């Protein structure tokens, strides 16, 4: 399960900007650990792609939420 979904399910009132900041921080932390321990390859591309993935996940989550709420309100 993507980190964005876990954060949004756990903290319902959190702003999207804060979710992106948290995901960026987690990605940066992992890359710094890889660099410090000389394990894997620490690369800025990973951080950029993880942030883009977080943004896309937020968009998909918003779309699914809109579709589910839209369908439930039509039947009322």
PDB file of N, CA and C in Angstrom:
ATOM      1  N   UNK A   1       0.842  -1.175   0.000  1.00  0.00           N
ATOM      2  CA  UNK A   1       0.000   0.000   0.000  1.00  0.00           C
ATOM      3  C   UNK A   1       0.891   1.245   0.000  1.00  0.00           C
ATOM      4  N   UNK A   2       0.608   2.194  -0.874  1.00  0.00           N
ATOM      5  CA  UNK A   2       1.437   3.408  -0.935  1.00  0.00           C
ATOM      6  C   UNK A   2       1.370   4.220   0.361  1.00  0.00           C
ATOM      7  N   UNK A   3       2.464   4.884   0.654  1.00  0.00           N
ATOM      8  CA  UNK A   3       2.551   5.703   1.868  1.00  0.00           C
ATOM      9  C   UNK A   3       1.470   6.770   1.902  1.00  0.00           C
ATOM     10  N   UNK A   4       1.133   7.324   0.753  1.00  0.00           N
ATOM     11  CA  UNK A   4       0.094   8.361   0.678  1.00  0.00           C
ATOM     12  C   UNK A   4      -1.227   7.829   1.215  1.00  0.00           C
ATOM     13  N   UNK A   5      -1.599   6.640   0.823  1.00  0.00           N
ATOM     14  CA  UNK A   5      -2.870   6.054   1.254  1.00  0.00           C
ATOM     15  C   UNK A   5      -2.852   5.797   2.759  1.00  0.00           C
ATOM     16  N   UNK A   6      -1.753   5.287   3.257  1.00  0.00           N
ATOM     17  CA  UNK A   6      -1.646   5.024   4.696  1.00  0.00           C
ATOM     18  C   UNK A   6      -1.771   6.322   5.492  1.00  0.00           C
ATOM     19  N   UNK A   7      -1.084   7.365   5.062  1.00  0.00           N
ATOM     20  CA  UNK A   7      -1.150   8.649   5.762  1.00  0.00           C
ATOM     21  C   UNK A   7      -2.556   9.208   5.708  1.00  0.00           C
ATOM     22  N   UNK A   8      -3.185   9.183   4.535  1.00  0.00           N
ATOM     23  CA  UNK A   8      -4.529   9.759   4.377  1.00  0.00           C
ATOM     24  C   UNK A   8      -5.560   8.974   5.177  1.00  0.00           C
ATOM     25  N   UNK A   9      -5.422   7.664   5.278  1.00  0.00           N
ATOM     26  CA  UNK A   9      -6.364   6.870   6.073  1.00  0.00           C
ATOM     27  C   UNK A   9      -6.178   7.106   7.571  1.00  0.00           C
ATOM     28  N   UNK A  10      -4.938   7.320   7.987  1.00  0.00           N
ATOM     29  CA  UNK A  10      -4.661   7.497   9.412  1.00  0.00           C
ATOM     30  C   UNK A  10      -4.969   8.923   9.878  1.00  0.00           C
ATOM     31  N   UNK A  11      -4.633   9.899   9.067  1.00  0.00           N
ATOM     32  CA  UNK A  11      -4.868  11.311   9.391  1.00  0.00           C
ATOM     33  C   UNK A  11      -5.848  11.870   8.367  1.00  0.00           C
ATOM     34  N   UNK A  12      -7.121  11.831   8.654  1.00  0.00           N
ATOM     35  CA  UNK A  12      -8.146  12.194   7.682  1.00  0.00           C
ATOM     36  C   UNK A  12      -8.141  13.679   7.324  1.00  0.00           C
ATOM     37  N   UNK A  13      -7.767  14.558   8.249  1.00  0.00           N
ATOM     38  CA  UNK A  13      -7.847  15.999   8.008  1.00  0.00           C
ATOM     39  C   UNK A  13      -6.510  16.605   7.560  1.00  0.00           C
ATOM     40  N   UNK A  14      -5.554  15.795   7.175  1.00  0.00           N
ATOM     41  CA  UNK A  14      -4.239  16.309   6.805  1.00  0.00           C
ATOM     42  C   UNK A  14      -4.291  16.940   5.408  1.00  0.00           C
ATOM     43  N   UNK A  15      -3.564  18.031   5.228  1.00  0.00           N
ATOM     44  CA  UNK A  15      -3.523  18.718   3.937  1.00  0.00           C
ATOM     45  C   UNK A  15      -2.609  17.970   2.976  1.00  0.00           C
ATOM     46  N   UNK A  16      -2.902  18.132   1.684  1.00  0.00           N
ATOM     47  CA  UNK A  16      -2.114  17.454   0.662  1.00  0.00           C
ATOM     48  C   UNK A  16      -0.655  17.908   0.669  1.00  0.00           C
ATOM     49  N   UNK A  17      -0.419  19.168   0.943  1.00  0.00           N
ATOM     50  CA  UNK A  17       0.949  19.670   0.987  1.00  0.00           C
ATOM     51  C   UNK A  17       1.757  18.964   2.074  1.00  0.00           C
ATOM     52  N   UNK A  18       1.117  18.713   3.199  1.00  0.00           N
ATOM     53  CA  UNK A  18       1.799  18.020   4.298  1.00  0.00           C
ATOM     54  C   UNK A  18       2.092  16.563   3.948  1.00  0.00           C
ATOM     55  N   UNK A  19       1.188  15.941   3.212  1.00  0.00           N
ATOM     56  CA  UNK A  19       1.425  14.561   2.780  1.00  0.00           C
ATOM     57  C   UNK A  19       2.643  14.508   1.857  1.00  0.00           C
ATOM     58  N   UNK A  20       2.721  15.453   0.931  1.00  0.00           N
ATOM     59  CA  UNK A  20       3.858  15.500   0.007  1.00  0.00           C
ATOM     60  C   UNK A  20       5.154  15.744   0.784  1.00  0.00           C
ATOM     61  N   UNK A  21       5.114  16.634   1.771  1.00  0.00           N
ATOM     62  CA  UNK A  21       6.305  16.894   2.583  1.00  0.00           C
ATOM     63  C   UNK A  21       6.743  15.652   3.356  1.00  0.00           C
ATOM     64  N   UNK A  22       5.792  14.928   3.915  1.00  0.00           N
ATOM     65  CA  UNK A  22       6.114  13.701   4.650  1.00  0.00           C
ATOM     66  C   UNK A  22       6.741  12.665   3.709  1.00  0.00           C
ATOM     67  N   UNK A  23       6.135  12.479   2.542  1.00  0.00           N
ATOM     68  CA  UNK A  23       6.666  11.502   1.577  1.00  0.00           C
ATOM     69  C   UNK A  23       8.056  11.906   1.091  1.00  0.00           C
ATOM     70  N   UNK A  24       8.266  13.205   0.881  1.00  0.00           N
ATOM     71  CA  UNK A  24       9.588  13.686   0.478  1.00  0.00           C
ATOM     72  C   UNK A  24      10.609  13.428   1.578  1.00  0.00           C
ATOM     73  N   UNK A  25      10.215  13.701   2.818  1.00  0.00           N
ATOM     74  CA  UNK A  25      11.116  13.471   3.948  1.00  0.00           C
ATOM     75  C   UNK A  25      11.481  12.007   4.117  1.00  0.00           C
ATOM     76  N   UNK A  26      10.499  11.135   3.967  1.00  0.00           N
ATOM     77  CA  UNK A  26      10.763   9.694   4.093  1.00  0.00           C
ATOM     78  C   UNK A  26      11.704   9.233   2.980  1.00  0.00           C
ATOM     79  N   UNK A  27      11.450   9.691   1.763  1.00  0.00           N
ATOM     80  CA  UNK A  27      12.304   9.315   0.638  1.00  0.00           C
ATOM     81  C   UNK A  27      13.729   9.838   0.825  1.00  0.00           C
ATOM     82  N   UNK A  28      13.846  11.077   1.263  1.00  0.00           N
ATOM     83  CA  UNK A  28      15.165  11.664   1.513  1.00  0.00           C
ATOM     84  C   UNK A  28      15.893  10.908   2.620  1.00  0.00           C
ATOM     85  N   UNK A  29      15.172  10.540   3.672  1.00  0.00           N
ATOM     86  CA  UNK A  29      15.767   9.786   4.774  1.00  0.00           C
ATOM     87  C   UNK A  29      16.308   8.442   4.292  1.00  0.00           C
ATOM     88  N   UNK A  30      15.535   7.749   3.484  1.00  0.00           N
ATOM     89  CA  UNK A  30      15.976   6.450   2.968  1.00  0.00           C
ATOM     90  C   UNK A  30      17.218   6.607   2.098  1.00  0.00           C
ATOM     91  N   UNK A  31      17.226   7.638   1.251  1.00  0.00           N
ATOM     92  CA  UNK A  31      18.391   7.869   0.391  1.00  0.00           C
ATOM     93  C   UNK A  31      19.626   8.232   1.218  1.00  0.00           C
ATOM     94  N   UNK A  32      19.462   9.016   2.262  1.00  0.00           N
ATOM     95  CA  UNK A  32      20.592   9.366   3.122  1.00  0.00           C
ATOM     96  C   UNK A  32      21.135   8.151   3.865  1.00  0.00           C
ATOM     97  N   UNK A  33      20.246   7.278   4.296  1.00  0.00           N
ATOM     98  CA  UNK A  33      20.672   6.037   4.954  1.00  0.00           C
ATOM     99  C   UNK A  33      21.448   5.165   3.966  1.00  0.00           C
ATOM    100  N   UNK A  34      20.951   5.057   2.736  1.00  0.00           N
ATOM    101  CA  UNK A  34      21.671   4.281   1.719  1.00  0.00           C
ATOM    102  C   UNK A  34      23.061   4.860   1.481  1.00  0.00           C
ATOM    103  N   UNK A  35      23.158   6.172   1.431  1.00  0.00           N
ATOM    104  CA  UNK A  35      24.445   6.822   1.198  1.00  0.00           C
ATOM    105  C   UNK A  35      25.389   6.601   2.381  1.00  0.00           C
ATOM    106  N   UNK A  36      24.865   6.763   3.598  1.00  0.00           N
ATOM    107  CA  UNK A  36      25.696   6.629   4.796  1.00  0.00           C
ATOM    108  C   UNK A  36      26.192   5.200   4.991  1.00  0.00           C
ATOM    109  N   UNK A  37      25.337   4.228   4.707  1.00  0.00           N
ATOM    110  CA  UNK A  37      25.704   2.827   4.901  1.00  0.00           C
ATOM    111  C   UNK A  37      26.363   2.206   3.671  1.00  0.00           C
ATOM    112  N   UNK A  38      26.466   3.006   2.612  1.00  0.00           N
ATOM    113  CA  UNK A  38      27.046   2.532   1.356  1.00  0.00           C
ATOM    114  C   UNK A  38      26.349   1.259   0.867  1.00  0.00           C
ATOM    115  N   UNK A  39      25.027   1.276   0.960  1.00  0.00           N
ATOM    116  CA  UNK A  39      24.195   0.175   0.486  1.00  0.00           C
ATOM    117  C   UNK A  39      23.326   0.683  -0.643  1.00  0.00           C
ATOM    118  N   UNK A  40      23.301  -0.006  -1.735  1.00  0.00           N
ATOM    119  CA  UNK A  40      22.511   0.450  -2.867  1.00  0.00           C
ATOM    120  C   UNK A  40      23.106   1.709  -3.469  1.00  0.00           C
ATOM    121  N   UNK A  41      22.318   2.388  -4.258  1.00  0.00           N
ATOM    122  CA  UNK A  41      22.768   3.600  -4.917  1.00  0.00           C
ATOM    123  C   UNK A  41      21.878   4.743  -4.460  1.00  0.00           C
ATOM    124  N   UNK A  42      22.475   5.736  -3.819  1.00  0.00           N
ATOM    125  CA  UNK A  42      21.734   6.922  -3.408  1.00  0.00           C
ATOM    126  C   UNK A  42      21.690   7.875  -4.592  1.00  0.00           C
ATOM    127  N   UNK A  43      20.486   8.175  -5.088  1.00  0.00           N
ATOM    128  CA  UNK A  43      20.349   8.967  -6.294  1.00  0.00           C
ATOM    129  C   UNK A  43      19.193   9.945  -6.145  1.00  0.00           C
ATOM    130  N   UNK A  44      19.367  11.155  -6.650  1.00  0.00           N
ATOM    131  CA  UNK A  44      18.320  12.176  -6.578  1.00  0.00           C
ATOM    132  C   UNK A  44      17.110  11.778  -7.413  1.00  0.00           C
ATOM    133  N   UNK A  45      17.334  10.973  -8.447  1.00  0.00           N
ATOM    134  CA  UNK A  45      16.220  10.513  -9.278  1.00  0.00           C
ATOM    135  C   UNK A  45      15.195   9.744  -8.454  1.00  0.00           C
ATOM    136  N   UNK A  46      15.653   8.959  -7.497  1.00  0.00           N
ATOM    137  CA  UNK A  46      14.733   8.202  -6.648  1.00  0.00           C
ATOM    138  C   UNK A  46      13.822   9.143  -5.859  1.00  0.00           C
ATOM    139  N   UNK A  47      14.376  10.210  -5.335  1.00  0.00           N
ATOM    140  CA  UNK A  47      13.576  11.165  -4.566  1.00  0.00           C
ATOM    141  C   UNK A  47      12.555  11.835  -5.469  1.00  0.00           C
ATOM    142  N   UNK A  48      12.993  12.280  -6.635  1.00  0.00           N
ATOM    143  CA  UNK A  48      12.086  12.952  -7.573  1.00  0.00           C
ATOM    144  C   UNK A  48      10.957  12.018  -7.998  1.00  0.00           C
ATOM    145  N   UNK A  49      11.289  10.789  -8.344  1.00  0.00           N
ATOM    146  CA  UNK A  49      10.272   9.837  -8.784  1.00  0.00           C
ATOM    147  C   UNK A  49       9.326   9.450  -7.654  1.00  0.00           C
ATOM    148  N   UNK A  50       9.839   9.347  -6.427  1.00  0.00           N
ATOM    149  CA  UNK A  50       8.967   9.047  -5.296  1.00  0.00           C
ATOM    150  C   UNK A  50       7.995  10.183  -5.025  1.00  0.00           C
ATOM    151  N   UNK A  51       8.455  11.425  -5.153  1.00  0.00           N
ATOM    152  CA  UNK A  51       7.562  12.575  -4.956  1.00  0.00           C
ATOM    153  C   UNK A  51       6.508  12.613  -6.060  1.00  0.00           C
ATOM    154  N   UNK A  52       6.914  12.382  -7.308  1.00  0.00           N
ATOM    155  CA  UNK A  52       5.943  12.328  -8.400  1.00  0.00           C
ATOM    156  C   UNK A  52       4.932  11.196  -8.185  1.00  0.00           C
ATOM    157  N   UNK A  53       5.405  10.063  -7.709  1.00  0.00           N
ATOM    158  CA  UNK A  53       4.503   8.950  -7.393  1.00  0.00           C
ATOM    159  C   UNK A  53       3.526   9.311  -6.296  1.00  0.00           C
ATOM    160  N   UNK A  54       3.971  10.083  -5.326  1.00  0.00           N
ATOM    161  CA  UNK A  54       3.089  10.535  -4.246  1.00  0.00           C
ATOM    162  C   UNK A  54       2.010  11.467  -4.783  1.00  0.00           C
ATOM    163  N   UNK A  55       2.408  12.374  -5.668  1.00  0.00           N
ATOM    164  CA  UNK A  55       1.440  13.302  -6.260  1.00  0.00           C
ATOM    165  C   UNK A  55       0.411  12.547  -7.097  1.00  0.00           C
ATOM    166  N   UNK A  56       0.873  11.594  -7.893  1.00  0.00           N
ATOM    167  CA  UNK A  56      -0.045  10.791  -8.711  1.00  0.00           C
ATOM    168  C   UNK A  56      -0.964   9.966  -7.819  1.00  0.00           C
ATOM    169  N   UNK A  57      -0.438   9.408  -6.738  1.00  0.00           N
ATOM    170  CA  UNK A  57      -1.264   8.637  -5.803  1.00  0.00           C
ATOM    171  C   UNK A  57      -2.339   9.508  -5.172  1.00  0.00           C
ATOM    172  N   UNK A  58      -1.995  10.746  -4.833  1.00  0.00           N
ATOM    173  CA  UNK A  58      -2.996  11.667  -4.286  1.00  0.00           C
ATOM    174  C   UNK A  58      -4.092  11.954  -5.304  1.00  0.00           C
ATOM    175  N   UNK A  59      -3.703  12.128  -6.564  1.00  0.00           N
ATOM    176  CA  UNK A  59      -4.698  12.373  -7.612  1.00  0.00           C
ATOM    177  C   UNK A  59      -5.633  11.182  -7.788  1.00  0.00           C
ATOM    178  N   UNK A  60      -5.063   9.989  -7.801  1.00  0.00           N
ATOM    179  CA  UNK A  60      -5.876   8.779  -7.948  1.00  0.00           C
ATOM    180  C   UNK A  60      -6.791   8.610  -6.737  1.00  0.00           C
ATOM    181  N   UNK A  61      -6.256   8.862  -5.555  1.00  0.00           N
ATOM    182  CA  UNK A  61      -7.061   8.755  -4.338  1.00  0.00           C
ATOM    183  C   UNK A  61      -8.226   9.738  -4.371  1.00  0.00           C
ATOM    184  N   UNK A  62      -7.967  10.966  -4.826  1.00  0.00           N
ATOM    185  CA  UNK A  62      -9.021  11.975  -4.934  1.00  0.00           C
ATOM    186  C   UNK A  62     -10.066  11.558  -5.968  1.00  0.00           C
ATOM    187  N   UNK A  63      -9.628  11.000  -7.096  1.00  0.00           N
ATOM    188  CA  UNK A  63     -10.549  10.548  -8.134  1.00  0.00           C
ATOM    189  C   UNK A  63     -11.439   9.413  -7.633  1.00  0.00           C
ATOM    190  N   UNK A  64     -10.837   8.438  -6.973  1.00  0.00           N
ATOM    191  CA  UNK A  64     -11.615   7.317  -6.426  1.00  0.00           C
ATOM    192  C   UNK A  64     -12.610   7.819  -5.383  1.00  0.00           C
ATOM    193  N   UNK A  65     -12.164   8.719  -4.534  1.00  0.00           N
ATOM    194  CA  UNK A  65     -13.049   9.290  -3.515  1.00  0.00           C
ATOM    195  C   UNK A  65     -14.219  10.020  -4.170  1.00  0.00           C
ATOM    196  N   UNK A  66     -13.945  10.779  -5.215  1.00  0.00           N
ATOM    197  CA  UNK A  66     -14.992  11.499  -5.933  1.00  0.00           C
ATOM    198  C   UNK A  66     -15.972  10.538  -6.586  1.00  0.00           C
ATOM    199  N   UNK A  67     -15.455   9.471  -7.192  1.00  0.00           N
ATOM    200  CA  UNK A  67     -16.334   8.501  -7.855  1.00  0.00           C
ATOM    201  C   UNK A  67     -17.220   7.772  -6.856  1.00  0.00           C
ATOM    202  N   UNK A  68     -16.661   7.405  -5.708  1.00  0.00           N
ATOM    203  CA  UNK A  68     -17.439   6.682  -4.687  1.00  0.00           C
ATOM    204  C   UNK A  68     -18.491   7.594  -4.083  1.00  0.00           C
ATOM    205  N   UNK A  69     -18.129   8.818  -3.734  1.00  0.00           N
ATOM    206  CA  UNK A  69     -19.091   9.752  -3.146  1.00  0.00           C
ATOM    207  C   UNK A  69     -20.129  10.155  -4.185  1.00  0.00           C
ATOM    208  N   UNK A  70     -19.706  10.340  -5.417  1.00  0.00           N
ATOM    209  CA  UNK A  70     -20.630  10.710  -6.492  1.00  0.00           C
ATOM    210  C   UNK A  70     -21.679   9.642  -6.727  1.00  0.00           C
ATOM    211  N   UNK A  71     -21.284   8.383  -6.688  1.00  0.00           N
ATOM    212  CA  UNK A  71     -22.237   7.300  -6.901  1.00  0.00           C
ATOM    213  C   UNK A  71     -23.183   7.151  -5.724  1.00  0.00           C
ATOM    214  N   UNK A  72     -22.695   7.365  -4.499  1.00  0.00           N
ATOM    215  CA  UNK A  72     -23.552   7.190  -3.335  1.00  0.00           C
ATOM    216  C   UNK A  72     -24.568   8.329  -3.217  1.00  0.00           C
ATOM    217  N   UNK A  73     -24.217   9.540  -3.678  1.00  0.00           N
ATOM    218  CA  UNK A  73     -25.150  10.660  -3.574  1.00  0.00           C
ATOM    219  C   UNK A  73     -26.210  10.617  -4.651  1.00  0.00           C
ATOM    220  N   UNK A  74     -25.961   9.927  -5.768  1.00  0.00           N
ATOM    221  CA  UNK A  74     -26.943   9.832  -6.845  1.00  0.00           C
ATOM    222  C   UNK A  74     -28.125   8.976  -6.409  1.00  0.00           C
ATOM    223  N   UNK A  75     -27.902   7.959  -5.640  1.00  0.00           N
ATOM    224  CA  UNK A  75     -28.959   7.060  -5.211  1.00  0.00           C
ATOM    225  C   UNK A  75     -29.855   7.620  -4.131  1.00  0.00           C
ATOM    226  N   UNK A  76     -29.532   8.758  -3.558  1.00  0.00           N
ATOM    227  CA  UNK A  76     -30.334   9.286  -2.449  1.00  0.00           C
ATOM    228  C   UNK A  76     -31.489  10.102  -2.916  1.00  0.00           C
TER     229      UNK A  76
END
